[in-house]
Amino acid sequence: MKRSIILLSILAFVLGGCFSAKVAGLGNSDVDRMQTKYPGLTLDQLKQGQSLFESNCATCHPLKEPKAYTEEAWAQLVPGMSKKVNDNASNTLSESDQDLILKYVITMKTKP
C-alpha cells in the first residue's frame, strides 16, 4: 500500500511537470514566428488550439509531439482524428476547432 502511494505521488509530480512545461512553452515569440504563415494569428488562438489538442486527443491515446509528423501529415491526421472524436464523444470538434488544433501543432512543430 505504501509503495502504491509513493508511486502515485511520483507519477503525479512527473505528469504535473510535463503539463506545466507545455503551458509555459507557448508565447508571443511563437505568434511572431508564424505571422507570415498565419496572418492575424493570436496567442489566444494558439492557447485554444493547445487546449483542444490536449483535451480531445488525449482521450484516446497519448499526445503526440508536434515534431513527430510533417505539416502535411498533421493536415491529414487532424481531420481524421477529429472525426473519431466526433463519432465517439459527447462533444464535437468543429472545422474551426480543427483549424486551431492544426495551427497549434504546426506552430509547435516549427519551434526552434
PDB file of N, CA and C in Angstrom:
ATOM      1  N   MET A   1       0.829  -1.194   0.000  1.00  0.00           N
ATOM      2  CA  MET A   1       0.000   0.000   0.000  1.00  0.00           C
ATOM      3  C   MET A   1       0.875   1.261   0.000  1.00  0.00           C
ATOM      4  N   LYS A   2       1.879   1.247   0.874  1.00  0.00           N
ATOM      5  CA  LYS A   2       2.774   2.397   0.961  1.00  0.00           C
ATOM      6  C   LYS A   2       3.506   2.599  -0.367  1.00  0.00           C
ATOM      7  N   ARG A   3       3.905   1.494  -0.999  1.00  0.00           N
ATOM      8  CA  ARG A   3       4.602   1.554  -2.288  1.00  0.00           C
ATOM      9  C   ARG A   3       3.694   2.186  -3.349  1.00  0.00           C
ATOM     10  N   SER A   4       2.412   1.837  -3.347  1.00  0.00           N
ATOM     11  CA  SER A   4       1.454   2.381  -4.316  1.00  0.00           C
ATOM     12  C   SER A   4       1.305   3.886  -4.148  1.00  0.00           C
ATOM     13  N   ILE A   5       1.234   4.335  -2.917  1.00  0.00           N
ATOM     14  CA  ILE A   5       1.093   5.771  -2.649  1.00  0.00           C
ATOM     15  C   ILE A   5       2.327   6.525  -3.144  1.00  0.00           C
ATOM     16  N   ILE A   6       3.484   5.969  -2.892  1.00  0.00           N
ATOM     17  CA  ILE A   6       4.730   6.606  -3.342  1.00  0.00           C
ATOM     18  C   ILE A   6       4.766   6.668  -4.867  1.00  0.00           C
ATOM     19  N   LEU A   7       4.422   5.560  -5.527  1.00  0.00           N
ATOM     20  CA  LEU A   7       4.431   5.541  -6.994  1.00  0.00           C
ATOM     21  C   LEU A   7       3.423   6.528  -7.572  1.00  0.00           C
ATOM     22  N   LEU A   8       2.243   6.585  -6.985  1.00  0.00           N
ATOM     23  CA  LEU A   8       1.232   7.545  -7.460  1.00  0.00           C
ATOM     24  C   LEU A   8       1.695   8.985  -7.257  1.00  0.00           C
ATOM     25  N   SER A   9       2.354   9.250  -6.145  1.00  0.00           N
ATOM     26  CA  SER A   9       2.875  10.596  -5.891  1.00  0.00           C
ATOM     27  C   SER A   9       3.927  10.984  -6.920  1.00  0.00           C
ATOM     28  N   ILE A  10       4.807  10.059  -7.234  1.00  0.00           N
ATOM     29  CA  ILE A  10       5.855  10.318  -8.233  1.00  0.00           C
ATOM     30  C   ILE A  10       5.222  10.551  -9.600  1.00  0.00           C
ATOM     31  N   LEU A  11       4.261   9.713  -9.953  1.00  0.00           N
ATOM     32  CA  LEU A  11       3.579   9.864 -11.236  1.00  0.00           C
ATOM     33  C   LEU A  11       2.880  11.217 -11.342  1.00  0.00           C
ATOM     34  N   ALA A  12       2.189  11.624 -10.290  1.00  0.00           N
ATOM     35  CA  ALA A  12       1.501  12.921 -10.290  1.00  0.00           C
ATOM     36  C   ALA A  12       2.499  14.062 -10.456  1.00  0.00           C
ATOM     37  N   PHE A  13       3.636  13.964  -9.803  1.00  0.00           N
ATOM     38  CA  PHE A  13       4.666  15.001  -9.904  1.00  0.00           C
ATOM     39  C   PHE A  13       5.207  15.091 -11.328  1.00  0.00           C
ATOM     40  N   VAL A  14       5.500  13.943 -11.926  1.00  0.00           N
ATOM     41  CA  VAL A  14       6.051  13.914 -13.281  1.00  0.00           C
ATOM     42  C   VAL A  14       5.036  14.450 -14.282  1.00  0.00           C
ATOM     43  N   LEU A  15       3.804  13.975 -14.197  1.00  0.00           N
ATOM     44  CA  LEU A  15       2.777  14.445 -15.131  1.00  0.00           C
ATOM     45  C   LEU A  15       2.491  15.923 -14.945  1.00  0.00           C
ATOM     46  N   GLY A  16       2.471  16.380 -13.718  1.00  0.00           N
ATOM     47  CA  GLY A  16       2.270  17.803 -13.460  1.00  0.00           C
ATOM     48  C   GLY A  16       3.376  18.643 -14.072  1.00  0.00           C
ATOM     49  N   GLY A  17       4.593  18.163 -13.999  1.00  0.00           N
ATOM     50  CA  GLY A  17       5.726  18.878 -14.600  1.00  0.00           C
ATOM     51  C   GLY A  17       5.626  18.931 -16.105  1.00  0.00           C
ATOM     52  N   CYS A  18       5.166  17.831 -16.726  1.00  0.00           N
ATOM     53  CA  CYS A  18       5.012  17.807 -18.181  1.00  0.00           C
ATOM     54  C   CYS A  18       3.948  18.792 -18.627  1.00  0.00           C
ATOM     55  N   PHE A  19       2.833  18.821 -17.922  1.00  0.00           N
ATOM     56  CA  PHE A  19       1.748  19.731 -18.297  1.00  0.00           C
ATOM     57  C   PHE A  19       2.203  21.174 -18.144  1.00  0.00           C
ATOM     58  N   SER A  20       2.874  21.479 -17.040  1.00  0.00           N
ATOM     59  CA  SER A  20       3.338  22.842 -16.818  1.00  0.00           C
ATOM     60  C   SER A  20       4.312  23.272 -17.901  1.00  0.00           C
ATOM     61  N   ALA A  21       5.157  22.358 -18.346  1.00  0.00           N
ATOM     62  CA  ALA A  21       6.132  22.705 -19.379  1.00  0.00           C
ATOM     63  C   ALA A  21       5.436  23.054 -20.680  1.00  0.00           C
ATOM     64  N   LYS A  22       4.369  22.342 -21.025  1.00  0.00           N
ATOM     65  CA  LYS A  22       3.650  22.628 -22.260  1.00  0.00           C
ATOM     66  C   LYS A  22       3.026  24.017 -22.208  1.00  0.00           C
ATOM     67  N   VAL A  23       2.374  24.343 -21.108  1.00  0.00           N
ATOM     68  CA  VAL A  23       1.719  25.638 -20.984  1.00  0.00           C
ATOM     69  C   VAL A  23       2.752  26.757 -21.006  1.00  0.00           C
ATOM     70  N   ALA A  24       3.842  26.585 -20.269  1.00  0.00           N
ATOM     71  CA  ALA A  24       4.862  27.623 -20.185  1.00  0.00           C
ATOM     72  C   ALA A  24       5.581  27.819 -21.510  1.00  0.00           C
ATOM     73  N   GLY A  25       5.584  26.813 -22.391  1.00  0.00           N
ATOM     74  CA  GLY A  25       6.330  26.884 -23.630  1.00  0.00           C
ATOM     75  C   GLY A  25       5.658  27.665 -24.746  1.00  0.00           C
ATOM     76  N   LEU A  26       4.471  28.166 -24.530  1.00  0.00           N
ATOM     77  CA  LEU A  26       3.717  28.857 -25.569  1.00  0.00           C
ATOM     78  C   LEU A  26       3.737  30.351 -25.287  1.00  0.00           C
ATOM     79  N   GLY A  27       4.209  31.148 -26.262  1.00  0.00           N
ATOM     80  CA  GLY A  27       4.301  32.577 -26.007  1.00  0.00           C
ATOM     81  C   GLY A  27       4.215  33.428 -27.253  1.00  0.00           C
ATOM     82  N   ASN A  28       4.406  34.726 -27.070  1.00  0.00           N
ATOM     83  CA  ASN A  28       4.318  35.680 -28.177  1.00  0.00           C
ATOM     84  C   ASN A  28       5.359  35.421 -29.259  1.00  0.00           C
ATOM     85  N   SER A  29       6.493  34.844 -28.881  1.00  0.00           N
ATOM     86  CA  SER A  29       7.507  34.546 -29.890  1.00  0.00           C
ATOM     87  C   SER A  29       6.981  33.506 -30.885  1.00  0.00           C
ATOM     88  N   ASP A  30       6.122  32.596 -30.410  1.00  0.00           N
ATOM     89  CA  ASP A  30       5.514  31.613 -31.308  1.00  0.00           C
ATOM     90  C   ASP A  30       4.560  32.304 -32.284  1.00  0.00           C
ATOM     91  N   VAL A  31       3.792  33.247 -31.785  1.00  0.00           N
ATOM     92  CA  VAL A  31       2.868  34.008 -32.634  1.00  0.00           C
ATOM     93  C   VAL A  31       3.658  34.783 -33.676  1.00  0.00           C
ATOM     94  N   ASP A  32       4.698  35.484 -33.230  1.00  0.00           N
ATOM     95  CA  ASP A  32       5.512  36.289 -34.153  1.00  0.00           C
ATOM     96  C   ASP A  32       6.119  35.431 -35.259  1.00  0.00           C
ATOM     97  N   ARG A  33       6.610  34.259 -34.895  1.00  0.00           N
ATOM     98  CA  ARG A  33       7.255  33.363 -35.859  1.00  0.00           C
ATOM     99  C   ARG A  33       6.276  32.896 -36.939  1.00  0.00           C
ATOM    100  N   MET A  34       4.993  32.781 -36.597  1.00  0.00           N
ATOM    101  CA  MET A  34       4.020  32.207 -37.518  1.00  0.00           C
ATOM    102  C   MET A  34       3.178  33.250 -38.262  1.00  0.00           C
ATOM    103  N   GLN A  35       3.457  34.527 -38.069  1.00  0.00           N
ATOM    104  CA  GLN A  35       2.637  35.574 -38.693  1.00  0.00           C
ATOM    105  C   GLN A  35       2.632  35.514 -40.219  1.00  0.00           C
ATOM    106  N   THR A  36       3.726  35.125 -40.840  1.00  0.00           N
ATOM    107  CA  THR A  36       3.721  35.056 -42.307  1.00  0.00           C
ATOM    108  C   THR A  36       2.892  33.877 -42.806  1.00  0.00           C
ATOM    109  N   LYS A  37       2.892  32.791 -42.061  1.00  0.00           N
ATOM    110  CA  LYS A  37       2.110  31.615 -42.447  1.00  0.00           C
ATOM    111  C   LYS A  37       0.636  31.792 -42.093  1.00  0.00           C
ATOM    112  N   TYR A  38       0.385  32.325 -40.919  1.00  0.00           N
ATOM    113  CA  TYR A  38      -0.986  32.528 -40.425  1.00  0.00           C
ATOM    114  C   TYR A  38      -1.172  33.994 -40.027  1.00  0.00           C
ATOM    115  N   PRO A  39      -1.369  34.888 -41.007  1.00  0.00           N
ATOM    116  CA  PRO A  39      -1.547  36.315 -40.677  1.00  0.00           C
ATOM    117  C   PRO A  39      -2.722  36.511 -39.717  1.00  0.00           C
ATOM    118  N   GLY A  40      -2.503  37.325 -38.709  1.00  0.00           N
ATOM    119  CA  GLY A  40      -3.558  37.607 -37.741  1.00  0.00           C
ATOM    120  C   GLY A  40      -3.656  36.598 -36.610  1.00  0.00           C
ATOM    121  N   LEU A  41      -2.790  35.585 -36.604  1.00  0.00           N
ATOM    122  CA  LEU A  41      -2.789  34.582 -35.543  1.00  0.00           C
ATOM    123  C   LEU A  41      -2.542  35.266 -34.202  1.00  0.00           C
ATOM    124  N   THR A  42      -3.291  34.849 -33.188  1.00  0.00           N
ATOM    125  CA  THR A  42      -3.127  35.433 -31.851  1.00  0.00           C
ATOM    126  C   THR A  42      -2.668  34.369 -30.861  1.00  0.00           C
ATOM    127  N   LEU A  43      -2.115  34.840 -29.762  1.00  0.00           N
ATOM    128  CA  LEU A  43      -1.702  33.929 -28.698  1.00  0.00           C
ATOM    129  C   LEU A  43      -2.924  33.213 -28.132  1.00  0.00           C
ATOM    130  N   ASP A  44      -4.046  33.906 -28.038  1.00  0.00           N
ATOM    131  CA  ASP A  44      -5.270  33.287 -27.542  1.00  0.00           C
ATOM    132  C   ASP A  44      -5.696  32.119 -28.441  1.00  0.00           C
ATOM    133  N   GLN A  45      -5.579  32.286 -29.744  1.00  0.00           N
ATOM    134  CA  GLN A  45      -5.925  31.202 -30.668  1.00  0.00           C
ATOM    135  C   GLN A  45      -5.005  29.994 -30.469  1.00  0.00           C
ATOM    136  N   LEU A  46      -3.708  30.265 -30.298  1.00  0.00           N
ATOM    137  CA  LEU A  46      -2.771  29.168 -30.061  1.00  0.00           C
ATOM    138  C   LEU A  46      -3.094  28.442 -28.757  1.00  0.00           C
ATOM    139  N   LYS A  47      -3.451  29.195 -27.724  1.00  0.00           N
ATOM    140  CA  LYS A  47      -3.806  28.578 -26.449  1.00  0.00           C
ATOM    141  C   LYS A  47      -5.084  27.753 -26.586  1.00  0.00           C
ATOM    142  N   GLN A  48      -6.044  28.253 -27.375  1.00  0.00           N
ATOM    143  CA  GLN A  48      -7.272  27.481 -27.616  1.00  0.00           C
ATOM    144  C   GLN A  48      -6.939  26.187 -28.356  1.00  0.00           C
ATOM    145  N   GLY A  49      -6.073  26.281 -29.365  1.00  0.00           N
ATOM    146  CA  GLY A  49      -5.653  25.097 -30.106  1.00  0.00           C
ATOM    147  C   GLY A  49      -4.952  24.098 -29.204  1.00  0.00           C
ATOM    148  N   GLN A  50      -4.097  24.601 -28.318  1.00  0.00           N
ATOM    149  CA  GLN A  50      -3.404  23.736 -27.373  1.00  0.00           C
ATOM    150  C   GLN A  50      -4.402  23.030 -26.461  1.00  0.00           C
ATOM    151  N   SER A  51      -5.349  23.784 -25.946  1.00  0.00           N
ATOM    152  CA  SER A  51      -6.346  23.208 -25.053  1.00  0.00           C
ATOM    153  C   SER A  51      -7.178  22.139 -25.760  1.00  0.00           C
ATOM    154  N   LEU A  52      -7.601  22.427 -26.984  1.00  0.00           N
ATOM    155  CA  LEU A  52      -8.373  21.455 -27.757  1.00  0.00           C
ATOM    156  C   LEU A  52      -7.546  20.212 -28.051  1.00  0.00           C
ATOM    157  N   PHE A  53      -6.296  20.407 -28.409  1.00  0.00           N
ATOM    158  CA  PHE A  53      -5.382  19.295 -28.690  1.00  0.00           C
ATOM    159  C   PHE A  53      -5.239  18.410 -27.455  1.00  0.00           C
ATOM    160  N   GLU A  54      -4.940  19.029 -26.323  1.00  0.00           N
ATOM    161  CA  GLU A  54      -4.697  18.268 -25.106  1.00  0.00           C
ATOM    162  C   GLU A  54      -5.964  17.592 -24.580  1.00  0.00           C
ATOM    163  N   SER A  55      -7.093  18.285 -24.625  1.00  0.00           N
ATOM    164  CA  SER A  55      -8.304  17.726 -24.028  1.00  0.00           C
ATOM    165  C   SER A  55      -8.994  16.697 -24.917  1.00  0.00           C
ATOM    166  N   ASN A  56      -8.842  16.795 -26.219  1.00  0.00           N
ATOM    167  CA  ASN A  56      -9.521  15.854 -27.112  1.00  0.00           C
ATOM    168  C   ASN A  56      -8.628  14.714 -27.566  1.00  0.00           C
ATOM    169  N   CYS A  57      -7.411  15.000 -27.933  1.00  0.00           N
ATOM    170  CA  CYS A  57      -6.533  13.964 -28.467  1.00  0.00           C
ATOM    171  C   CYS A  57      -6.126  12.966 -27.385  1.00  0.00           C
ATOM    172  N   ALA A  58      -5.966  13.450 -26.169  1.00  0.00           N
ATOM    173  CA  ALA A  58      -5.527  12.576 -25.079  1.00  0.00           C
ATOM    174  C   ALA A  58      -6.638  11.660 -24.570  1.00  0.00           C
ATOM    175  N   THR A  59      -7.853  11.833 -25.059  1.00  0.00           N
ATOM    176  CA  THR A  59      -8.924  10.942 -24.607  1.00  0.00           C
ATOM    177  C   THR A  59      -8.771   9.545 -25.192  1.00  0.00           C
ATOM    178  N   CYS A  60      -8.076   9.419 -26.322  1.00  0.00           N
ATOM    179  CA  CYS A  60      -7.933   8.114 -26.989  1.00  0.00           C
ATOM    180  C   CYS A  60      -6.513   7.554 -26.950  1.00  0.00           C
ATOM    181  N   HIS A  61      -5.515   8.421 -26.885  1.00  0.00           N
ATOM    182  CA  HIS A  61      -4.127   7.954 -26.954  1.00  0.00           C
ATOM    183  C   HIS A  61      -3.204   8.996 -26.347  1.00  0.00           C
ATOM    184  N   PRO A  62      -1.973   8.604 -26.028  1.00  0.00           N
ATOM    185  CA  PRO A  62      -1.008   9.599 -25.531  1.00  0.00           C
ATOM    186  C   PRO A  62      -0.798  10.697 -26.581  1.00  0.00           C
ATOM    187  N   LEU A  63      -0.598  11.903 -26.113  1.00  0.00           N
ATOM    188  CA  LEU A  63      -0.380  13.018 -27.030  1.00  0.00           C
ATOM    189  C   LEU A  63       0.890  12.809 -27.830  1.00  0.00           C
ATOM    190  N   LYS A  64       0.804  13.130 -29.100  1.00  0.00           N
ATOM    191  CA  LYS A  64       1.973  13.050 -29.986  1.00  0.00           C
ATOM    192  C   LYS A  64       2.714  14.382 -29.931  1.00  0.00           C
ATOM    193  N   GLU A  65       4.007  14.301 -30.022  1.00  0.00           N
ATOM    194  CA  GLU A  65       4.809  15.518 -30.110  1.00  0.00           C
ATOM    195  C   GLU A  65       4.566  16.155 -31.476  1.00  0.00           C
ATOM    196  N   PRO A  66       4.349  17.457 -31.535  1.00  0.00           N
ATOM    197  CA  PRO A  66       4.133  18.097 -32.834  1.00  0.00           C
ATOM    198  C   PRO A  66       5.247  17.822 -33.844  1.00  0.00           C
ATOM    199  N   LYS A  67       6.484  17.668 -33.370  1.00  0.00           N
ATOM    200  CA  LYS A  67       7.603  17.419 -34.287  1.00  0.00           C
ATOM    201  C   LYS A  67       7.622  15.995 -34.824  1.00  0.00           C
ATOM    202  N   ALA A  68       6.719  15.143 -34.327  1.00  0.00           N
ATOM    203  CA  ALA A  68       6.700  13.735 -34.736  1.00  0.00           C
ATOM    204  C   ALA A  68       6.208  13.548 -36.167  1.00  0.00           C
ATOM    205  N   TYR A  69       5.481  14.536 -36.700  1.00  0.00           N
ATOM    206  CA  TYR A  69       4.898  14.410 -38.037  1.00  0.00           C
ATOM    207  C   TYR A  69       5.199  15.643 -38.873  1.00  0.00           C
ATOM    208  N   THR A  70       5.156  15.468 -40.168  1.00  0.00           N
ATOM    209  CA  THR A  70       5.329  16.604 -41.077  1.00  0.00           C
ATOM    210  C   THR A  70       4.053  17.448 -41.060  1.00  0.00           C
ATOM    211  N   GLU A  71       4.163  18.643 -41.597  1.00  0.00           N
ATOM    212  CA  GLU A  71       2.992  19.508 -41.698  1.00  0.00           C
ATOM    213  C   GLU A  71       1.905  18.834 -42.535  1.00  0.00           C
ATOM    214  N   GLU A  72       2.314  18.182 -43.611  1.00  0.00           N
ATOM    215  CA  GLU A  72       1.352  17.502 -44.483  1.00  0.00           C
ATOM    216  C   GLU A  72       0.652  16.364 -43.738  1.00  0.00           C
ATOM    217  N   ALA A  73       1.404  15.642 -42.927  1.00  0.00           N
ATOM    218  CA  ALA A  73       0.814  14.549 -42.151  1.00  0.00           C
ATOM    219  C   ALA A  73      -0.191  15.086 -41.135  1.00  0.00           C
ATOM    220  N   TRP A  74       0.175  16.175 -40.448  1.00  0.00           N
ATOM    221  CA  TRP A  74      -0.762  16.777 -39.488  1.00  0.00           C
ATOM    222  C   TRP A  74      -2.035  17.236 -40.198  1.00  0.00           C
ATOM    223  N   ALA A  75      -1.885  17.783 -41.397  1.00  0.00           N
ATOM    224  CA  ALA A  75      -3.059  18.264 -42.153  1.00  0.00           C
ATOM    225  C   ALA A  75      -4.017  17.124 -42.477  1.00  0.00           C
ATOM    226  N   GLN A  76      -3.514  15.906 -42.549  1.00  0.00           N
ATOM    227  CA  GLN A  76      -4.374  14.742 -42.778  1.00  0.00           C
ATOM    228  C   GLN A  76      -4.834  14.121 -41.459  1.00  0.00           C
ATOM    229  N   LEU A  77      -3.951  14.103 -40.469  1.00  0.00           N
ATOM    230  CA  LEU A  77      -4.277  13.484 -39.185  1.00  0.00           C
ATOM    231  C   LEU A  77      -5.361  14.220 -38.413  1.00  0.00           C
ATOM    232  N   VAL A  78      -5.276  15.547 -38.378  1.00  0.00           N
ATOM    233  CA  VAL A  78      -6.211  16.313 -37.553  1.00  0.00           C
ATOM    234  C   VAL A  78      -7.668  16.083 -37.980  1.00  0.00           C
ATOM    235  N   PRO A  79      -8.015  16.195 -39.263  1.00  0.00           N
ATOM    236  CA  PRO A  79      -9.409  15.927 -39.635  1.00  0.00           C
ATOM    237  C   PRO A  79      -9.844  14.480 -39.367  1.00  0.00           C
ATOM    238  N   GLY A  80      -8.951  13.536 -39.617  1.00  0.00           N
ATOM    239  CA  GLY A  80      -9.279  12.129 -39.378  1.00  0.00           C
ATOM    240  C   GLY A  80      -9.510  11.826 -37.909  1.00  0.00           C
ATOM    241  N   MET A  81      -8.642  12.354 -37.057  1.00  0.00           N
ATOM    242  CA  MET A  81      -8.797  12.141 -35.624  1.00  0.00           C
ATOM    243  C   MET A  81     -10.003  12.914 -35.087  1.00  0.00           C
ATOM    244  N   SER A  82     -10.269  14.087 -35.653  1.00  0.00           N
ATOM    245  CA  SER A  82     -11.439  14.863 -35.226  1.00  0.00           C
ATOM    246  C   SER A  82     -12.722  14.101 -35.517  1.00  0.00           C
ATOM    247  N   LYS A  83     -12.757  13.417 -36.649  1.00  0.00           N
ATOM    248  CA  LYS A  83     -13.926  12.605 -36.980  1.00  0.00           C
ATOM    249  C   LYS A  83     -14.114  11.506 -35.941  1.00  0.00           C
ATOM    250  N   LYS A  84     -13.015  10.889 -35.527  1.00  0.00           N
ATOM    251  CA  LYS A  84     -13.101   9.847 -34.498  1.00  0.00           C
ATOM    252  C   LYS A  84     -13.603  10.417 -33.176  1.00  0.00           C
ATOM    253  N   VAL A  85     -13.106  11.610 -32.811  1.00  0.00           N
ATOM    254  CA  VAL A  85     -13.572  12.262 -31.586  1.00  0.00           C
ATOM    255  C   VAL A  85     -15.072  12.531 -31.704  1.00  0.00           C
ATOM    256  N   ASN A  86     -15.483  13.057 -32.839  1.00  0.00           N
ATOM    257  CA  ASN A  86     -16.901  13.386 -33.023  1.00  0.00           C
ATOM    258  C   ASN A  86     -17.781  12.139 -33.018  1.00  0.00           C
ATOM    259  N   ASP A  87     -17.262  11.035 -33.513  1.00  0.00           N
ATOM    260  CA  ASP A  87     -18.023   9.783 -33.535  1.00  0.00           C
ATOM    261  C   ASP A  87     -18.110   9.131 -32.161  1.00  0.00           C
ATOM    262  N   ASN A  88     -17.097   9.341 -31.317  1.00  0.00           N
ATOM    263  CA  ASN A  88     -17.002   8.614 -30.057  1.00  0.00           C
ATOM    264  C   ASN A  88     -17.255   9.442 -28.806  1.00  0.00           C
ATOM    265  N   ALA A  89     -17.386  10.725 -28.923  1.00  0.00           N
ATOM    266  CA  ALA A  89     -17.501  11.573 -27.731  1.00  0.00           C
ATOM    267  C   ALA A  89     -18.807  12.357 -27.735  1.00  0.00           C
ATOM    268  N   SER A  90     -19.140  12.866 -26.575  1.00  0.00           N
ATOM    269  CA  SER A  90     -20.363  13.658 -26.473  1.00  0.00           C
ATOM    270  C   SER A  90     -20.159  15.081 -27.012  1.00  0.00           C
ATOM    271  N   ASN A  91     -18.911  15.531 -27.051  1.00  0.00           N
ATOM    272  CA  ASN A  91     -18.631  16.842 -27.631  1.00  0.00           C
ATOM    273  C   ASN A  91     -18.211  16.674 -29.087  1.00  0.00           C
ATOM    274  N   THR A  92     -18.213  17.755 -29.824  1.00  0.00           N
ATOM    275  CA  THR A  92     -17.800  17.682 -31.213  1.00  0.00           C
ATOM    276  C   THR A  92     -16.764  18.758 -31.494  1.00  0.00           C
ATOM    277  N   LEU A  93     -15.895  18.444 -32.429  1.00  0.00           N
ATOM    278  CA  LEU A  93     -14.894  19.406 -32.882  1.00  0.00           C
ATOM    279  C   LEU A  93     -15.365  19.977 -34.216  1.00  0.00           C
ATOM    280  N   SER A  94     -15.529  21.276 -34.252  1.00  0.00           N
ATOM    281  CA  SER A  94     -15.933  21.950 -35.481  1.00  0.00           C
ATOM    282  C   SER A  94     -14.732  22.113 -36.403  1.00  0.00           C
ATOM    283  N   GLU A  95     -14.985  22.566 -37.623  1.00  0.00           N
ATOM    284  CA  GLU A  95     -13.875  22.850 -38.540  1.00  0.00           C
ATOM    285  C   GLU A  95     -12.983  23.943 -37.965  1.00  0.00           C
ATOM    286  N   SER A  96     -13.593  24.895 -37.283  1.00  0.00           N
ATOM    287  CA  SER A  96     -12.819  25.963 -36.639  1.00  0.00           C
ATOM    288  C   SER A  96     -11.907  25.391 -35.549  1.00  0.00           C
ATOM    289  N   ASP A  97     -12.437  24.456 -34.766  1.00  0.00           N
ATOM    290  CA  ASP A  97     -11.631  23.799 -33.736  1.00  0.00           C
ATOM    291  C   ASP A  97     -10.462  23.051 -34.376  1.00  0.00           C
ATOM    292  N   GLN A  98     -10.745  22.336 -35.450  1.00  0.00           N
ATOM    293  CA  GLN A  98      -9.703  21.594 -36.152  1.00  0.00           C
ATOM    294  C   GLN A  98      -8.618  22.539 -36.656  1.00  0.00           C
ATOM    295  N   ASP A  99      -9.031  23.689 -37.163  1.00  0.00           N
ATOM    296  CA  ASP A  99      -8.083  24.681 -37.656  1.00  0.00           C
ATOM    297  C   ASP A  99      -7.181  25.178 -36.520  1.00  0.00           C
ATOM    298  N   LEU A 100      -7.770  25.407 -35.346  1.00  0.00           N
ATOM    299  CA  LEU A 100      -6.977  25.861 -34.199  1.00  0.00           C
ATOM    300  C   LEU A 100      -5.982  24.789 -33.757  1.00  0.00           C
ATOM    301  N   ILE A 101      -6.416  23.530 -33.759  1.00  0.00           N
ATOM    302  CA  ILE A 101      -5.513  22.436 -33.398  1.00  0.00           C
ATOM    303  C   ILE A 101      -4.367  22.363 -34.403  1.00  0.00           C
ATOM    304  N   LEU A 102      -4.702  22.433 -35.682  1.00  0.00           N
ATOM    305  CA  LEU A 102      -3.676  22.353 -36.724  1.00  0.00           C
ATOM    306  C   LEU A 102      -2.680  23.504 -36.606  1.00  0.00           C
ATOM    307  N   LYS A 103      -3.165  24.710 -36.391  1.00  0.00           N
ATOM    308  CA  LYS A 103      -2.264  25.858 -36.235  1.00  0.00           C
ATOM    309  C   LYS A 103      -1.371  25.678 -35.014  1.00  0.00           C
ATOM    310  N   TYR A 104      -1.933  25.134 -33.953  1.00  0.00           N
ATOM    311  CA  TYR A 104      -1.128  24.898 -32.748  1.00  0.00           C
ATOM    312  C   TYR A 104      -0.011  23.884 -33.022  1.00  0.00           C
ATOM    313  N   VAL A 105      -0.353  22.728 -33.588  1.00  0.00           N
ATOM    314  CA  VAL A 105       0.688  21.695 -33.776  1.00  0.00           C
ATOM    315  C   VAL A 105       1.732  22.140 -34.794  1.00  0.00           C
ATOM    316  N   ILE A 106       1.310  22.854 -35.831  1.00  0.00           N
ATOM    317  CA  ILE A 106       2.282  23.344 -36.828  1.00  0.00           C
ATOM    318  C   ILE A 106       3.193  24.393 -36.183  1.00  0.00           C
ATOM    319  N   THR A 107       2.622  25.261 -35.366  1.00  0.00           N
ATOM    320  CA  THR A 107       3.433  26.265 -34.680  1.00  0.00           C
ATOM    321  C   THR A 107       4.454  25.606 -33.763  1.00  0.00           C
ATOM    322  N   MET A 108       4.012  24.615 -33.001  1.00  0.00           N
ATOM    323  CA  MET A 108       4.924  23.959 -32.061  1.00  0.00           C
ATOM    324  C   MET A 108       5.925  23.069 -32.804  1.00  0.00           C
ATOM    325  N   LYS A 109       5.535  22.560 -33.971  1.00  0.00           N
ATOM    326  CA  LYS A 109       6.456  21.768 -34.782  1.00  0.00           C
ATOM    327  C   LYS A 109       7.646  22.603 -35.234  1.00  0.00           C
ATOM    328  N   THR A 110       7.382  23.864 -35.525  1.00  0.00           N
ATOM    329  CA  THR A 110       8.438  24.735 -36.053  1.00  0.00           C
ATOM    330  C   THR A 110       9.205  25.471 -34.940  1.00  0.00           C
ATOM    331  N   LYS A 111       8.870  25.183 -33.703  1.00  0.00           N
ATOM    332  CA  LYS A 111       9.550  25.862 -32.588  1.00  0.00           C
ATOM    333  C   LYS A 111      11.017  25.460 -32.569  1.00  0.00           C
ATOM    334  N   PRO A 112      11.899  26.451 -32.529  1.00  0.00           N
ATOM    335  CA  PRO A 112      13.343  26.142 -32.513  1.00  0.00           C
ATOM    336  C   PRO A 112      13.762  25.399 -31.251  1.00  0.00           C
TER     337      PRO A 112
END
